[in-house]
Amino acid sequence: MDSISSSYAELYGKNNHGDFHHSYEAEKSWNAGAIAKSITHLKGYSLTGSFSFDHTSGKDMSGSMFIQPGFYPVDILEFTPGRKDLQRYAFMGGIASDIAPNWRLGGKIDFAASNYSKRKDLRHTNYRLDLKVAPSVMYHSGDLAIGFSYMFSKNSESVKAEVIGTTENSYNAFLDKGLMYGAYEAWDGSGIHLSESGINGFPIKELSNGGALQLQWKRFMEISNIPILRGLPVKEMLSGSNSPLTGLPLIELSFQTGKERAFSTIEPAMVTFGQQRECD
């Protein structure tokens, strides 16, 4: 294993102004945060970890209600400009240890929690969770190293909307079911699903399972991702955004099974699978 230990800390801030931005972004916004990272090598094992906090605030924002617009194959849009604030807390931890002369065991966890709120009607409050866990094992002998990792990922987000002001204004929303096709009506209408009996807001989640195989021989290295999926009948196919990993277009598949809608996202070398619950 490597023998260099290091630590890093950073405070940052920025101020954005300009008209060249996405429809859901702010013309004027500011951002500040802190990051701390460290990697330490001790006798027989290595440790790494990080912590970060980020706060972003923007004025006259509208459009997508989600924290990461375009991440899910559905979206909800509102049309009243107002101030929005986003806070994100994240930490990462990892460990690796030699358990035998030619075997190495390791693991890594990434966790992030985000809070998002709008301060003007139509108001909305979001809570998002991102979790990734990856246990790994490696065999190494001389110039040869072979490793395998199992990867579990879960993310979920809930969007809760409300009107607090006393004015008799009506607020509409748009449920984008893909390719800007969907339902446009009052935000608490049955077609938007923001106000459903027995459901707190608009919940959505994604679960994925996968693996990664690594082969190294001297200076040559090859890494491949292995998808692990459960099968459901395909109902329709939707086109999505570009992959955050490869930059290539994504293909999104939508499924329908009773009261659950499921979707999968296919990108080069990786497939993820998730479920969106419409009601309990």
Protein backbone atom coordinates (compact mmCIF):
# COMPACT_ATOMS: atom_id res chain seq x y z
CA MET A 1 0.00 0.00 0.00
CA ASP A 2 1.02 3.64 -0.35
CA SER A 3 3.03 5.15 2.48
CA ILE A 4 2.28 8.87 2.08
CA SER A 5 -0.11 10.36 4.67
CA SER A 6 -1.70 13.76 4.05
CA SER A 7 -4.46 16.05 5.28
CA TYR A 8 -6.25 18.87 3.54
CA ALA A 9 -8.70 21.59 4.59
CA GLU A 10 -10.39 24.31 2.58
CA LEU A 11 -12.81 27.19 3.05
CA TYR A 12 -14.38 28.55 -0.11
CA GLY A 13 -16.98 31.01 -1.31
CA LYS A 14 -18.22 32.41 -4.59
CA ASN A 15 -20.73 34.87 -5.98
CA ASN A 16 -22.52 34.30 -9.29
CA HIS A 17 -24.15 36.96 -11.47
CA GLY A 18 -25.29 36.69 -15.07
CA ASP A 19 -28.09 35.83 -17.48
CA PHE A 20 -26.43 32.72 -18.95
CA HIS A 21 -27.88 30.03 -16.68
CA HIS A 22 -30.35 27.18 -16.72
CA SER A 23 -34.05 27.87 -16.23
CA TYR A 24 -34.01 26.45 -12.67
CA GLU A 25 -30.85 28.37 -11.63
CA ALA A 26 -30.65 31.86 -10.14
CA GLU A 27 -29.47 34.98 -11.94
CA LYS A 28 -27.82 36.05 -8.67
CA SER A 29 -26.57 33.54 -6.11
CA TRP A 30 -23.83 32.99 -3.58
CA ASN A 31 -22.20 29.84 -2.28
CA ALA A 32 -19.91 29.04 0.68
CA GLY A 33 -18.61 25.91 2.32
CA ALA A 34 -15.83 23.96 4.00
CA ILE A 35 -14.02 20.69 3.18
CA ALA A 36 -11.61 18.58 5.22
CA LYS A 37 -9.90 15.42 3.92
CA SER A 38 -7.27 13.07 5.31
CA ILE A 39 -5.51 9.80 4.50
CA THR A 40 -3.36 7.99 7.06
CA HIS A 41 -1.23 4.85 6.75
CA LEU A 42 -0.62 2.87 9.92
CA LYS A 43 0.99 -0.46 10.55
CA GLY A 44 -1.03 -3.02 8.64
CA TYR A 45 -3.88 -0.80 7.46
CA SER A 46 -4.80 2.56 5.92
CA LEU A 47 -7.61 5.00 6.70
CA THR A 48 -9.18 7.80 4.69
CA GLY A 49 -12.03 10.18 5.41
CA SER A 50 -13.57 13.54 4.58
CA PHE A 51 -16.28 15.92 5.71
CA SER A 52 -17.87 18.82 3.88
CA PHE A 53 -20.58 21.43 4.30
CA ASP A 54 -22.01 23.59 1.52
CA HIS A 55 -24.62 26.37 1.53
CA THR A 56 -26.09 27.94 -1.62
CA SER A 57 -28.66 30.73 -1.80
CA GLY A 58 -30.24 32.20 -4.92
CA LYS A 59 -32.81 34.89 -5.72
CA ASP A 60 -35.78 34.80 -8.12
CA MET A 61 -35.58 31.05 -8.65
CA SER A 62 -38.33 28.87 -10.12
CA GLY A 63 -38.61 25.81 -12.32
CA SER A 64 -37.68 22.36 -11.04
CA MET A 65 -38.47 21.63 -7.41
CA PHE A 66 -35.89 18.85 -7.13
CA ILE A 67 -32.44 19.32 -5.63
CA GLN A 68 -30.77 17.74 -8.69
CA PRO A 69 -33.03 18.55 -11.67
CA GLY A 70 -32.88 15.83 -14.31
CA PHE A 71 -31.59 13.13 -11.95
CA TYR A 72 -34.92 11.28 -11.89
CA PRO A 73 -36.99 10.54 -15.02
CA VAL A 74 -39.85 12.67 -13.61
CA ASP A 75 -39.81 16.30 -12.48
CA ILE A 76 -42.12 18.89 -10.90
CA LEU A 77 -41.93 22.53 -12.00
CA GLU A 78 -43.33 25.65 -10.31
CA PHE A 79 -43.48 29.13 -11.80
CA THR A 80 -43.30 31.78 -9.04
CA PRO A 81 -39.79 33.30 -8.72
CA GLY A 82 -38.48 33.44 -5.18
CA ARG A 83 -35.48 32.83 -2.94
CA LYS A 84 -34.21 29.26 -2.53
CA ASP A 85 -31.64 27.91 -0.06
CA LEU A 86 -29.76 24.61 -0.30
CA GLN A 87 -27.61 23.03 2.42
CA ARG A 88 -25.59 19.86 1.93
CA TYR A 89 -23.69 17.81 4.52
CA ALA A 90 -21.44 14.97 3.38
CA PHE A 91 -18.86 12.61 4.79
CA MET A 92 -16.76 9.75 3.44
CA GLY A 93 -14.83 6.99 5.19
CA GLY A 94 -12.68 4.15 3.96
CA ILE A 95 -10.32 1.48 5.27
CA ALA A 96 -7.95 -1.04 3.67
CA SER A 97 -5.92 -3.75 5.36
CA ASP A 98 -3.72 -6.68 4.41
CA ILE A 99 -5.38 -9.78 5.88
CA ALA A 100 -2.86 -12.24 4.38
CA PRO A 101 0.44 -12.00 2.45
CA ASN A 102 -1.40 -11.79 -0.90
CA TRP A 103 -4.87 -10.62 0.11
CA ARG A 104 -6.20 -7.15 0.88
CA LEU A 105 -9.65 -6.25 2.23
CA GLY A 106 -11.21 -2.81 2.13
CA GLY A 107 -14.41 -0.82 2.22
CA LYS A 108 -15.74 2.67 1.60
CA ILE A 109 -18.89 4.57 2.51
CA ASP A 110 -20.17 7.88 1.12
CA PHE A 111 -23.06 9.67 2.80
CA ALA A 112 -24.71 12.99 1.95
CA ALA A 113 -27.84 14.72 3.27
CA SER A 114 -29.37 17.80 1.63
CA ASN A 115 -32.07 20.28 2.66
CA TYR A 116 -33.69 22.55 0.06
CA SER A 117 -36.34 25.20 0.66
CA LYS A 118 -38.12 28.01 -1.12
CA ARG A 119 -39.11 31.12 0.84
CA LYS A 120 -42.04 32.28 -1.30
CA ASP A 121 -45.36 30.71 -2.33
CA LEU A 122 -45.56 28.25 -3.90
CA ARG A 123 -43.15 27.12 -1.16
CA HIS A 124 -41.53 23.73 -1.10
CA THR A 125 -39.21 21.87 1.29
CA ASN A 126 -37.00 19.00 0.14
CA TYR A 127 -34.99 16.36 1.97
CA ARG A 128 -32.52 14.20 0.04
CA LEU A 129 -30.36 11.28 1.11
CA ASP A 130 -27.46 9.76 -0.86
CA LEU A 131 -25.71 6.62 0.40
CA LYS A 132 -23.06 4.48 -1.28
CA VAL A 133 -21.34 1.45 0.25
CA ALA A 134 -18.56 -0.52 -1.48
CA PRO A 135 -16.79 -3.46 0.23
CA SER A 136 -13.81 -4.75 -1.78
CA VAL A 137 -11.26 -7.55 -1.88
CA MET A 138 -7.99 -7.77 -3.80
CA TYR A 139 -5.47 -10.50 -4.60
CA HIS A 140 -1.96 -9.30 -5.49
CA SER A 141 1.24 -11.14 -6.34
CA GLY A 142 4.24 -9.44 -7.90
CA ASP A 143 3.12 -7.33 -10.88
CA LEU A 144 -0.38 -8.85 -10.89
CA ALA A 145 -3.36 -7.51 -8.95
CA ILE A 146 -7.00 -8.58 -9.26
CA GLY A 147 -9.74 -6.85 -7.28
CA PHE A 148 -13.53 -7.02 -6.96
CA SER A 149 -15.97 -4.58 -5.36
CA TYR A 150 -19.66 -4.89 -4.59
CA MET A 151 -21.46 -1.54 -4.82
CA PHE A 152 -24.76 -0.66 -3.16
CA SER A 153 -26.32 2.74 -3.70
CA LYS A 154 -29.48 4.33 -2.36
CA ASN A 155 -30.85 7.82 -2.88
CA SER A 156 -34.21 9.26 -1.98
CA GLU A 157 -35.89 12.64 -2.03
CA SER A 158 -39.21 14.02 -0.82
CA VAL A 159 -40.82 17.26 -2.02
CA LYS A 160 -43.43 18.88 0.22
CA ALA A 161 -45.25 21.97 -1.07
CA GLU A 162 -47.45 24.45 0.77
CA VAL A 163 -48.99 27.92 0.54
CA ILE A 164 -48.65 30.17 3.61
CA GLY A 165 -49.51 33.62 2.22
CA THR A 166 -52.97 35.12 2.76
CA THR A 167 -53.45 36.41 -0.81
CA GLU A 168 -56.04 34.59 -2.89
CA ASN A 169 -53.62 33.67 -5.65
CA SER A 170 -53.79 30.28 -7.33
CA TYR A 171 -50.53 28.48 -8.02
CA ASN A 172 -50.06 25.97 -10.79
CA ALA A 173 -47.42 23.27 -11.17
CA PHE A 174 -46.32 20.95 -13.96
CA LEU A 175 -45.56 17.24 -13.53
CA ASP A 176 -43.03 16.36 -16.22
CA LYS A 177 -43.32 12.63 -16.97
CA GLY A 178 -40.55 12.80 -19.57
CA LEU A 179 -39.76 14.91 -22.66
CA MET A 180 -41.83 17.76 -21.13
CA TYR A 181 -45.01 15.68 -21.39
CA GLY A 182 -47.23 15.57 -18.35
CA ALA A 183 -49.90 17.37 -16.34
CA TYR A 184 -50.28 21.14 -15.80
CA GLU A 185 -52.84 22.15 -13.20
CA ALA A 186 -53.26 23.57 -9.69
CA TRP A 187 -50.39 22.45 -7.47
CA ASP A 188 -52.72 20.53 -5.15
CA GLY A 189 -54.58 18.84 -8.01
CA SER A 190 -54.75 15.07 -8.36
CA GLY A 191 -52.51 15.08 -11.45
CA ILE A 192 -49.49 16.67 -9.72
CA HIS A 193 -49.32 14.29 -6.71
CA LEU A 194 -47.96 16.99 -4.35
CA SER A 195 -51.06 16.78 -2.17
CA GLU A 196 -52.19 13.17 -1.80
CA SER A 197 -54.19 11.71 1.05
CA GLY A 198 -51.97 9.55 3.26
CA ILE A 199 -48.71 10.60 1.55
CA ASN A 200 -46.35 13.26 2.87
CA GLY A 201 -45.35 15.27 -0.20
CA PHE A 202 -43.93 13.64 -3.33
CA PRO A 203 -41.53 10.82 -2.34
CA ILE A 204 -39.18 9.15 -4.80
CA LYS A 205 -36.24 6.79 -4.35
CA GLU A 206 -33.69 4.75 -6.27
CA LEU A 207 -31.85 1.57 -5.26
CA SER A 208 -28.97 0.10 -7.24
CA ASN A 209 -26.68 -2.90 -6.91
CA GLY A 210 -23.57 -3.49 -8.94
CA GLY A 211 -19.97 -4.55 -8.95
CA ALA A 212 -16.57 -3.55 -10.27
CA LEU A 213 -13.70 -5.76 -11.44
CA GLN A 214 -10.13 -4.45 -11.56
CA LEU A 215 -7.16 -6.10 -13.28
CA GLN A 216 -3.63 -4.71 -13.14
CA TRP A 217 -0.47 -6.07 -14.76
CA LYS A 218 2.60 -3.87 -14.34
CA ARG A 219 1.49 -0.47 -15.74
CA PHE A 220 -1.61 -1.79 -17.49
CA MET A 221 -4.92 -1.46 -15.67
CA GLU A 222 -8.47 -2.37 -16.70
CA ILE A 223 -11.61 -1.55 -14.70
CA SER A 224 -15.08 -2.83 -15.60
CA ASN A 225 -18.46 -2.29 -13.95
CA ILE A 226 -20.81 -5.27 -13.65
CA PRO A 227 -24.57 -4.58 -13.47
CA ILE A 228 -26.85 -6.60 -11.19
CA LEU A 229 -30.54 -6.14 -12.04
CA ARG A 230 -33.97 -7.49 -11.21
CA GLY A 231 -36.31 -7.92 -14.18
CA LEU A 232 -39.71 -6.30 -14.68
CA PRO A 233 -41.83 -5.97 -17.83
CA VAL A 234 -40.94 -2.89 -19.84
CA LYS A 235 -43.79 -0.45 -20.31
CA GLU A 236 -42.17 2.52 -22.04
CA MET A 237 -38.80 4.05 -22.80
CA LEU A 238 -37.88 7.65 -21.98
CA SER A 239 -34.91 9.68 -23.14
CA GLY A 240 -32.89 11.30 -20.35
CA SER A 241 -29.90 13.55 -19.71
CA ASN A 242 -26.21 12.91 -20.12
CA SER A 243 -24.34 10.59 -17.79
CA PRO A 244 -22.58 12.39 -14.90
CA LEU A 245 -19.82 9.76 -15.12
CA THR A 246 -19.14 9.53 -18.85
CA GLY A 247 -20.89 12.55 -20.38
CA LEU A 248 -22.66 10.24 -22.84
CA PRO A 249 -26.46 10.16 -23.30
CA LEU A 250 -28.44 8.05 -20.85
CA ILE A 251 -31.29 5.70 -21.74
CA GLU A 252 -34.04 5.49 -19.15
CA LEU A 253 -36.55 2.63 -18.99
CA SER A 254 -39.87 2.96 -17.17
CA PHE A 255 -41.85 0.05 -15.74
CA GLN A 256 -45.30 -0.22 -14.17
CA THR A 257 -46.25 -2.83 -11.57
CA GLY A 258 -49.49 -2.15 -9.71
CA LYS A 259 -49.08 0.93 -7.52
CA GLU A 260 -45.35 1.18 -8.00
CA ARG A 261 -43.52 2.76 -10.90
CA ALA A 262 -39.95 1.62 -11.36
CA PHE A 263 -37.25 2.88 -13.64
CA SER A 264 -33.73 1.99 -14.65
CA THR A 265 -30.97 4.12 -16.10
CA ILE A 266 -28.58 2.59 -18.60
CA GLU A 267 -25.26 4.18 -19.37
CA PRO A 268 -21.97 2.85 -20.77
CA ALA A 269 -20.48 0.27 -18.37
CA MET A 270 -23.06 0.88 -15.61
CA VAL A 271 -26.75 0.12 -15.00
CA THR A 272 -28.75 1.33 -12.01
CA PHE A 273 -32.23 0.31 -10.91
CA GLY A 274 -34.76 2.05 -8.69
CA GLN A 275 -38.35 2.30 -7.59
CA GLN A 276 -40.61 5.29 -7.12
CA ARG A 277 -43.50 4.74 -4.72
CA GLU A 278 -46.64 6.66 -5.62
CA CYS A 279 -48.53 5.65 -2.47
CA ASP A 280 -48.06 3.51 0.58
